[in-house]
C-alpha cells in the first residue's frame, strides 16, 4: 500500500465517520470517536480482505469492500456500545 492508497483510504474512512456523525448526531467527542472507529474499522477490514485474497471493489491498493464493511461494522458497534447502560 503506497502513500496515495493510504491517503485515499483515510479520506474515505473519514467521510464515513463524518456522515455517520451527521446521521446519528452528537457533539465533538462523538465526532472524534466515530472518526477513530471508522479509521480502525476501515483498515482492519482492508487487511482482512487482503489476507484472505478477496478481490472485490479494489481501487489501486485499497480493498474497498473490506474497508467499507469494516468501517460500518465498527461504527454501528461503537455507537451501540456507547448507549449500553449498566444495570445497578
Foldseek 3Di string as FASTA:
>chain_A
DDPVQVVVLLVVLLVVLVVVCVVVPDDPVSSVVLSVLSSVQLVVLQVVCVVVVPDDPDDVSGPRVRNVVRSVVSNVVVVVVVPDDDDD
